[in-house]
Amino acid sequence: MIHYGKILELHYEGISLRGIASNTGHSRQKVTEIIGLAEKRG
């Protein structure tokens, strides 16, 4: 299961993509994709 809220929370705290990926267990590519979608939606 993807933890969208946790990924975005860590992103806005200034954590690196690599840090977010290791913390949530997702790939950096998936983390980048989720952040990009969130920025498009506002």
Protein backbone atom coordinates (compact mmCIF):
# COMPACT_ATOMS: atom_id res chain seq x y z
CA MET A 1 0.00 0.00 0.00
CA ILE A 2 1.27 3.46 -0.89
CA HIS A 3 1.43 5.96 1.98
CA TYR A 4 0.63 9.15 0.07
CA GLY A 5 0.19 11.30 3.17
CA LYS A 6 3.48 10.17 4.71
CA ILE A 7 5.37 10.76 1.44
CA LEU A 8 3.98 14.28 1.10
CA GLU A 9 4.54 15.06 4.78
CA LEU A 10 8.21 14.06 4.52
CA HIS A 11 8.59 15.99 1.26
CA TYR A 12 7.29 19.22 2.78
CA GLU A 13 9.58 18.71 5.79
CA GLY A 14 12.51 18.88 3.35
CA ILE A 15 13.53 15.21 3.43
CA SER A 16 15.40 14.02 0.33
CA LEU A 17 13.79 11.69 -2.20
CA ARG A 18 16.17 8.94 -1.16
CA GLY A 19 15.26 9.47 2.49
CA ILE A 20 11.55 9.39 1.73
CA ALA A 21 11.96 6.25 -0.37
CA SER A 22 13.85 4.39 2.35
CA ASN A 23 11.47 5.58 5.07
CA THR A 24 8.32 4.50 3.24
CA GLY A 25 9.68 1.44 1.39
CA HIS A 26 8.91 2.78 -2.08
CA SER A 27 11.24 3.47 -5.01
CA ARG A 28 12.56 6.99 -5.64
CA GLN A 29 10.74 6.89 -8.98
CA LYS A 30 7.41 6.20 -7.26
CA VAL A 31 8.06 8.94 -4.69
CA THR A 32 8.83 11.42 -7.49
CA GLU A 33 5.65 10.38 -9.31
CA ILE A 34 3.49 10.90 -6.22
CA ILE A 35 5.00 14.30 -5.45
CA GLY A 36 4.52 15.37 -9.08
CA LEU A 37 0.84 14.35 -9.03
CA ALA A 38 0.28 16.21 -5.75
CA GLU A 39 1.87 19.38 -7.13
CA LYS A 40 -0.33 19.22 -10.25
CA ARG A 41 -3.46 18.88 -8.11
CA GLY A 42 -2.43 21.66 -5.74
